[in-house]
Amino acid sequence: MQTELLQLLCCPVTGQKLQTKDPVYDQKGTIESGWLVSEDGTQRYPIKNFIPRFVPEVNYADSFGMQWNKFSKTQLDSHTGCAISTKRFYNATKWTTEELKGKWVLDIGCGAGRFAEVALQAGANVVALDYSTAVDACYANLGHYPNLHVLQGNVYQLPFVKESFPYIYSLGVLQHTPDVEKSFFSLVKMLAKNGKLCVDFYEKSWKSAMLPKYWLRPLTRHIPKMRLFSMLEFMVPVMLPVSIGLGKIPFVGKTIKRIIPVANYVGELPLNWQQQKEWALLDTFDWLSPEFDNPQNAPTVRGWLETAQISDIEVLKAGHLVGRGIKK
C-alpha cells in the first residue's frame, strides 16, 4: 500500500480516518504488511501482500477470486496483443486519455485489472477495488505501475471519504452483487461533484432470458467451484467447435449457436485459437459459477441515474447496457 492512499481512506464502520500500525515497508517504501486502525482503535484491517483488506477471507465472490487468479492475464490487452479491453473501456465511458491523466479514478470490481490497465496507461491514479481475492492477480499484473492502488473491499461499505473521486467506473460487475440498486448508489456517494460515472450491466430482455446460462446457473452455482471448473475444462473444448459449426449455418446460425452453453467469440474478437479457447473457458465459468447474476434494463438504469441527480445522462447499448453521466 502506498501512503498517499491514506488521504482517501476512512473506516467503513465508524467513518473515521485510518492510521497505519506496525507497517512493514519494502525497499521502495511501499507498505507490504501491517494494519489500518480507526482513530478510536475499535476497528482494525490487515494489510497483506501490499493490499489493505476490508472483507472476510471467505465471501460470495470466491468464484471470481478463483477465476481471476487462474486467468490472471487472459483479458489484459498487454497479454493478448489486442485492444479489446481498451476499446470497451473508451466506448463505454467516452472519457479521453487527456482528461484522465493525473486524476483519481475508482475501479469497482477490478478483477485481474483489465480496465485498470487501460486507465493506468492514460496516467490516472487508479484505485482498484474488488470483493474477491482477484485483487492479488491485479496487483501481480499491474503492481509495477506507481499510480496503482489496490484494495479488497465491499461495495456496500466502501472505505473511502465521500466524494473523493472525479471518475468512477464499474464494468460488468454490479449485476453480480446481491442488491444491484444498492451497489449503484454506493458508487454515487464516492463520486465528487461534477465527477463522471460509468457503469454497465448485462441487459435484461426476453432474448437474454433464453440464454442457457440462466436456466443452468440455478444448478451449477451450487457445484463446488473447483469441480465445476474441472467439468468445464473437459466440456468447453467439445462444446466450442459445436457452437462454431452451428454459427456457420446461413441466416439462423448466430441465433441457434446460443443453445450451446459456451462462450463463443470466434468471428467477434480478434483472438488466436488458443486465446479463443481460453476466453471460452473463462467466460463460460463466469456464466455458470456466480452466486448472483441480475441483469438490468434501460428504464431501470436511467431511473437510478436520475434519482442520483446525475446530469448529461446517457443509457445505451455498447456491447453491454451502459449508463453514464455527471454528478450535479
Protein backbone atom coordinates (compact mmCIF):
# COMPACT_ATOMS: atom_id res chain seq x y z
CA MET A 1 0.00 0.00 0.00
CA GLN A 2 1.30 3.45 -0.88
CA THR A 3 0.99 6.06 1.86
CA GLU A 4 -0.68 8.67 -0.41
CA LEU A 5 -3.75 6.42 -0.49
CA LEU A 6 -4.38 7.23 3.19
CA GLN A 7 -5.79 10.65 2.30
CA LEU A 8 -8.74 8.94 0.59
CA LEU A 9 -9.37 6.20 3.15
CA CYS A 10 -11.73 6.10 6.09
CA CYS A 11 -13.08 3.31 8.27
CA PRO A 12 -16.16 1.78 6.59
CA VAL A 13 -17.72 1.12 10.02
CA THR A 14 -17.04 4.29 12.00
CA GLY A 15 -16.32 6.77 9.20
CA GLN A 16 -13.14 7.80 11.00
CA LYS A 17 -9.78 8.37 9.35
CA LEU A 18 -7.44 5.39 9.32
CA GLN A 19 -3.91 5.24 10.62
CA THR A 20 -1.19 2.71 9.90
CA LYS A 21 0.05 0.48 12.69
CA ASP A 22 3.14 -1.76 12.66
CA PRO A 23 3.83 -1.17 8.96
CA VAL A 24 6.49 -3.22 7.20
CA TYR A 25 7.95 -1.46 4.16
CA ASP A 26 9.67 -2.89 1.10
CA GLN A 27 12.74 -1.30 -0.50
CA LYS A 28 10.57 1.13 -2.49
CA GLY A 29 8.84 2.46 0.62
CA THR A 30 5.56 0.63 -0.10
CA ILE A 31 3.75 -0.89 2.89
CA GLU A 32 3.87 -4.66 2.45
CA SER A 33 2.09 -5.63 5.65
CA GLY A 34 0.68 -4.14 8.84
CA TRP A 35 -2.66 -2.75 9.96
CA LEU A 36 -5.03 0.10 9.29
CA VAL A 37 -6.68 1.22 12.53
CA SER A 38 -9.58 3.61 13.13
CA GLU A 39 -8.91 6.71 15.24
CA ASP A 40 -10.73 5.28 18.25
CA GLY A 41 -8.87 1.97 17.90
CA THR A 42 -12.03 -0.14 17.68
CA GLN A 43 -11.61 -1.26 14.06
CA ARG A 44 -8.55 -2.95 12.55
CA TYR A 45 -7.96 -4.01 8.96
CA PRO A 46 -4.93 -6.02 7.81
CA ILE A 47 -2.56 -5.01 5.05
CA LYS A 48 -1.42 -8.28 3.47
CA ASN A 49 0.84 -8.63 0.43
CA PHE A 50 0.68 -4.83 -0.14
CA ILE A 51 -3.16 -4.82 -0.20
CA PRO A 52 -5.46 -3.43 2.53
CA ARG A 53 -8.20 -5.98 3.25
CA PHE A 54 -11.64 -4.77 4.42
CA VAL A 55 -13.62 -8.00 3.87
CA PRO A 56 -13.80 -11.55 5.26
CA GLU A 57 -11.44 -14.05 3.66
CA VAL A 58 -14.40 -16.19 2.52
CA ASN A 59 -17.32 -14.46 0.75
CA TYR A 60 -19.89 -14.74 -2.04
CA ALA A 61 -17.33 -13.63 -4.66
CA ASP A 62 -15.00 -16.59 -4.13
CA SER A 63 -15.69 -17.92 -7.64
CA PHE A 64 -14.45 -14.64 -9.12
CA GLY A 65 -11.33 -14.75 -7.00
CA MET A 66 -10.68 -18.26 -8.26
CA GLN A 67 -11.29 -17.45 -11.91
CA TRP A 68 -9.18 -14.27 -11.99
CA ASN A 69 -6.26 -15.94 -10.27
CA LYS A 70 -6.46 -18.82 -12.75
CA PHE A 71 -6.90 -16.48 -15.74
CA SER A 72 -4.90 -13.59 -14.39
CA LYS A 73 -3.63 -12.33 -17.76
CA THR A 74 -6.25 -13.66 -20.17
CA GLN A 75 -8.13 -10.40 -20.75
CA LEU A 76 -5.24 -7.95 -20.40
CA ASP A 77 -4.57 -6.12 -23.67
CA SER A 78 -0.86 -6.26 -22.86
CA HIS A 79 -1.17 -10.06 -22.90
CA THR A 80 -3.46 -10.61 -25.88
CA GLY A 81 -1.81 -8.02 -28.10
CA CYS A 82 -5.32 -6.77 -28.95
CA ALA A 83 -7.09 -3.61 -27.80
CA ILE A 84 -10.26 -5.43 -26.71
CA SER A 85 -10.38 -4.02 -23.17
CA THR A 86 -9.20 -0.59 -24.31
CA LYS A 87 -11.98 -0.33 -26.88
CA ARG A 88 -14.63 -1.47 -24.44
CA PHE A 89 -13.41 0.98 -21.79
CA TYR A 90 -13.44 4.04 -24.02
CA ASN A 91 -16.63 3.03 -25.90
CA ALA A 92 -18.43 2.71 -22.56
CA THR A 93 -17.04 5.75 -20.76
CA LYS A 94 -16.37 8.17 -23.65
CA TRP A 95 -13.60 9.59 -21.47
CA THR A 96 -10.27 10.63 -23.01
CA THR A 97 -6.69 9.89 -22.05
CA GLU A 98 -6.08 13.61 -21.70
CA GLU A 99 -8.81 14.13 -19.10
CA LEU A 100 -7.82 11.05 -17.08
CA LYS A 101 -4.14 11.94 -16.74
CA GLY A 102 -3.28 12.70 -13.12
CA LYS A 103 -6.87 12.21 -11.90
CA TRP A 104 -8.03 9.84 -9.16
CA VAL A 105 -10.11 7.06 -10.69
CA LEU A 106 -12.03 4.37 -8.79
CA ASP A 107 -12.39 0.95 -10.44
CA ILE A 108 -15.11 -1.08 -8.71
CA GLY A 109 -14.78 -4.80 -9.36
CA CYS A 110 -11.31 -4.64 -10.86
CA GLY A 111 -10.87 -8.38 -11.31
CA ALA A 112 -7.39 -9.09 -12.63
CA GLY A 113 -7.07 -5.49 -13.82
CA ARG A 114 -8.15 -5.48 -17.46
CA PHE A 115 -9.69 -1.99 -17.31
CA ALA A 116 -7.38 -0.69 -14.58
CA GLU A 117 -4.52 -1.27 -17.01
CA VAL A 118 -6.21 1.00 -19.56
CA ALA A 119 -6.74 3.81 -17.03
CA LEU A 120 -3.19 3.43 -15.70
CA GLN A 121 -1.77 3.77 -19.20
CA ALA A 122 -3.72 7.03 -19.52
CA GLY A 123 -1.81 8.31 -16.48
CA ALA A 124 -4.68 8.14 -13.97
CA ASN A 125 -4.17 7.38 -10.28
CA VAL A 126 -6.22 4.20 -10.18
CA VAL A 127 -7.75 2.78 -7.01
CA ALA A 128 -8.68 -0.78 -8.00
CA LEU A 129 -11.12 -2.50 -5.63
CA ASP A 130 -12.61 -5.96 -5.68
CA TYR A 131 -14.53 -8.02 -3.13
CA SER A 132 -12.66 -11.18 -4.06
CA THR A 133 -9.03 -12.33 -4.00
CA ALA A 134 -8.84 -11.20 -7.63
CA VAL A 135 -7.05 -8.21 -6.08
CA ASP A 136 -3.96 -10.42 -5.76
CA ALA A 137 -3.99 -11.09 -9.51
CA CYS A 138 -4.50 -7.38 -10.18
CA TYR A 139 -1.53 -6.41 -8.03
CA ALA A 140 0.64 -9.13 -9.55
CA ASN A 141 -0.22 -7.91 -13.05
CA LEU A 142 -0.05 -4.16 -12.52
CA GLY A 143 1.92 -3.55 -9.32
CA HIS A 144 4.80 -2.12 -11.35
CA TYR A 145 2.67 0.97 -12.06
CA PRO A 146 3.46 3.60 -9.41
CA ASN A 147 -0.03 5.09 -9.89
CA LEU A 148 -1.85 1.87 -8.88
CA HIS A 149 -3.54 1.35 -5.50
CA VAL A 150 -5.28 -1.99 -4.84
CA LEU A 151 -7.81 -2.72 -2.08
CA GLN A 152 -10.03 -5.64 -1.19
CA GLY A 153 -13.33 -4.10 -0.12
CA ASN A 154 -17.11 -4.30 -0.03
CA VAL A 155 -19.15 -2.16 -2.41
CA TYR A 156 -21.74 -1.64 0.36
CA GLN A 157 -19.12 -0.38 2.82
CA LEU A 158 -16.58 1.41 0.68
CA PRO A 159 -13.58 2.51 2.77
CA PHE A 160 -13.27 5.99 1.27
CA VAL A 161 -14.02 9.56 2.22
CA LYS A 162 -17.24 10.53 0.42
CA GLU A 163 -16.97 12.41 -2.89
CA SER A 164 -13.27 11.58 -3.25
CA PHE A 165 -13.21 10.50 -6.89
CA PRO A 166 -13.72 12.62 -10.03
CA TYR A 167 -14.05 9.43 -12.09
CA ILE A 168 -15.70 6.12 -11.15
CA TYR A 169 -16.42 3.14 -13.36
CA SER A 170 -17.71 -0.38 -12.84
CA LEU A 171 -17.89 -2.52 -15.95
CA GLY A 172 -19.55 -5.95 -15.97
CA VAL A 173 -19.64 -6.19 -12.18
CA LEU A 174 -22.68 -4.77 -10.37
CA GLN A 175 -25.09 -7.42 -11.66
CA HIS A 176 -23.07 -9.93 -9.64
CA THR A 177 -23.79 -8.22 -6.31
CA PRO A 178 -26.69 -9.19 -4.02
CA ASP A 179 -28.50 -5.84 -4.40
CA VAL A 180 -27.64 -4.13 -7.69
CA GLU A 181 -29.50 -0.89 -6.90
CA LYS A 182 -27.81 -0.52 -3.53
CA SER A 183 -24.44 -1.19 -5.17
CA PHE A 184 -25.07 1.55 -7.72
CA PHE A 185 -25.93 4.18 -5.12
CA SER A 186 -22.88 3.23 -3.07
CA LEU A 187 -20.75 4.36 -6.00
CA VAL A 188 -22.58 7.67 -6.32
CA LYS A 189 -21.65 8.56 -2.72
CA MET A 190 -17.97 8.35 -3.62
CA LEU A 191 -18.28 10.48 -6.77
CA ALA A 192 -17.06 14.06 -6.48
CA LYS A 193 -19.30 16.94 -7.54
CA ASN A 194 -19.03 17.33 -11.32
CA GLY A 195 -17.46 13.87 -11.34
CA LYS A 196 -18.09 11.38 -14.12
CA LEU A 197 -19.65 7.96 -13.61
CA CYS A 198 -19.88 4.97 -15.95
CA VAL A 199 -21.45 1.61 -15.19
CA ASP A 200 -22.51 -1.25 -17.40
CA PHE A 201 -24.63 -4.36 -16.94
CA TYR A 202 -25.81 -7.46 -18.69
CA GLU A 203 -29.03 -6.38 -20.39
CA LYS A 204 -32.34 -7.82 -19.21
CA SER A 205 -34.55 -8.79 -22.15
CA TRP A 206 -36.58 -11.70 -23.45
CA LYS A 207 -33.58 -12.72 -25.56
CA SER A 208 -31.22 -12.77 -22.58
CA ALA A 209 -33.76 -14.76 -20.58
CA MET A 210 -33.43 -17.54 -23.18
CA LEU A 211 -29.67 -17.85 -22.75
CA PRO A 212 -28.77 -21.29 -21.38
CA LYS A 213 -26.68 -19.81 -18.57
CA TYR A 214 -29.84 -18.53 -16.86
CA TRP A 215 -31.53 -21.91 -16.72
CA LEU A 216 -28.32 -23.79 -15.90
CA ARG A 217 -26.89 -21.45 -13.24
CA PRO A 218 -29.51 -22.25 -10.55
CA LEU A 219 -27.94 -25.70 -10.58
CA THR A 220 -24.31 -25.01 -11.44
CA ARG A 221 -23.78 -22.25 -8.86
CA HIS A 222 -24.18 -24.91 -6.15
CA ILE A 223 -21.45 -27.15 -7.58
CA PRO A 224 -18.11 -26.73 -5.74
CA LYS A 225 -16.10 -24.26 -7.81
CA MET A 226 -13.09 -26.47 -8.43
CA ARG A 227 -15.35 -29.34 -9.52
CA LEU A 228 -17.32 -27.06 -11.85
CA PHE A 229 -14.11 -25.73 -13.34
CA SER A 230 -12.79 -29.27 -13.91
CA MET A 231 -16.06 -30.20 -15.64
CA LEU A 232 -15.83 -27.19 -17.93
CA GLU A 233 -12.17 -27.87 -18.73
CA PHE A 234 -13.41 -31.13 -20.25
CA MET A 235 -16.67 -29.84 -21.78
CA VAL A 236 -15.70 -26.47 -23.29
CA PRO A 237 -13.23 -27.91 -25.87
CA VAL A 238 -16.09 -30.16 -27.03
CA MET A 239 -18.87 -27.54 -26.99
CA LEU A 240 -16.91 -24.71 -28.61
CA PRO A 241 -16.45 -26.41 -32.03
CA VAL A 242 -20.14 -27.38 -32.00
CA SER A 243 -21.11 -23.77 -31.33
CA ILE A 244 -18.78 -22.57 -34.09
CA GLY A 245 -20.31 -25.08 -36.53
CA LEU A 246 -23.86 -24.01 -35.71
CA GLY A 247 -22.84 -20.38 -36.11
CA LYS A 248 -21.94 -21.01 -39.75
CA ILE A 249 -25.49 -22.05 -40.71
CA PRO A 250 -26.88 -19.37 -43.05
CA PHE A 251 -29.41 -16.89 -41.67
CA VAL A 252 -30.05 -18.63 -38.34
CA GLY A 253 -26.54 -19.56 -37.23
CA LYS A 254 -25.99 -16.58 -34.92
CA THR A 255 -29.21 -17.39 -33.09
CA ILE A 256 -29.11 -21.14 -32.75
CA LYS A 257 -25.47 -21.29 -31.67
CA ARG A 258 -26.69 -19.77 -28.40
CA ILE A 259 -28.31 -23.06 -27.41
CA ILE A 260 -24.83 -24.41 -26.67
CA PRO A 261 -23.81 -23.17 -23.18
CA VAL A 262 -20.36 -21.99 -24.11
CA ALA A 263 -18.90 -18.51 -24.64
CA ASN A 264 -18.04 -18.33 -28.35
CA TYR A 265 -16.21 -15.23 -29.60
CA VAL A 266 -14.98 -16.64 -32.89
CA GLY A 267 -15.63 -14.01 -35.55
CA GLU A 268 -16.31 -11.39 -32.84
CA LEU A 269 -12.95 -10.87 -31.15
CA PRO A 270 -9.53 -10.79 -32.90
CA LEU A 271 -8.02 -13.62 -30.85
CA ASN A 272 -5.91 -16.55 -31.97
CA TRP A 273 -7.26 -20.06 -31.48
CA GLN A 274 -5.52 -20.65 -28.16
CA GLN A 275 -6.87 -17.35 -26.86
CA GLN A 276 -10.36 -18.20 -28.12
CA LYS A 277 -10.32 -21.42 -26.11
CA GLU A 278 -9.03 -19.63 -23.02
CA TRP A 279 -11.68 -16.88 -23.22
CA ALA A 280 -14.36 -19.51 -23.82
CA LEU A 281 -13.40 -21.43 -20.68
CA LEU A 282 -13.06 -18.24 -18.61
CA ASP A 283 -16.39 -16.73 -19.61
CA THR A 284 -18.33 -20.00 -19.51
CA PHE A 285 -17.15 -20.45 -15.93
CA ASP A 286 -18.12 -16.79 -15.34
CA TRP A 287 -21.62 -17.55 -16.65
CA LEU A 288 -22.25 -20.62 -14.52
CA SER A 289 -20.44 -20.08 -11.23
CA PRO A 290 -21.58 -16.73 -9.71
CA GLU A 291 -23.79 -16.65 -6.66
CA PHE A 292 -25.66 -13.66 -8.14
CA ASP A 293 -26.42 -12.61 -11.71
CA ASN A 294 -29.06 -9.90 -12.05
CA PRO A 295 -29.22 -8.20 -15.48
CA GLN A 296 -30.87 -4.78 -15.79
CA ASN A 297 -32.97 -2.91 -18.35
CA ALA A 298 -32.57 0.61 -19.71
CA PRO A 299 -35.52 2.26 -17.88
CA THR A 300 -34.27 0.97 -14.54
CA VAL A 301 -30.73 2.23 -15.11
CA ARG A 302 -31.96 5.62 -16.30
CA GLY A 303 -34.20 5.88 -13.23
CA TRP A 304 -31.25 5.23 -10.91
CA LEU A 305 -29.16 7.89 -12.65
CA GLU A 306 -31.97 10.42 -12.40
CA THR A 307 -32.61 9.66 -8.73
CA ALA A 308 -28.88 10.09 -8.06
CA GLN A 309 -29.09 13.57 -9.64
CA ILE A 310 -26.73 12.62 -12.43
CA SER A 311 -26.86 15.02 -15.38
CA ASP A 312 -25.97 14.53 -19.06
CA ILE A 313 -27.41 11.03 -18.72
CA GLU A 314 -26.82 8.51 -21.49
CA VAL A 315 -28.17 4.97 -21.39
CA LEU A 316 -27.28 2.92 -24.42
CA LYS A 317 -26.19 -0.44 -25.74
CA ALA A 318 -22.41 -0.53 -26.20
CA GLY A 319 -21.79 -4.25 -26.05
CA HIS A 320 -23.36 -4.24 -22.59
CA LEU A 321 -26.06 -1.90 -21.28
CA VAL A 322 -24.15 1.28 -20.39
CA GLY A 323 -25.26 4.10 -18.10
CA ARG A 324 -23.11 7.22 -17.74
CA GLY A 325 -23.30 10.86 -16.72
CA ILE A 326 -22.01 13.65 -14.50
CA LYS A 327 -22.84 14.28 -10.83
CA LYS A 328 -24.53 17.65 -10.38
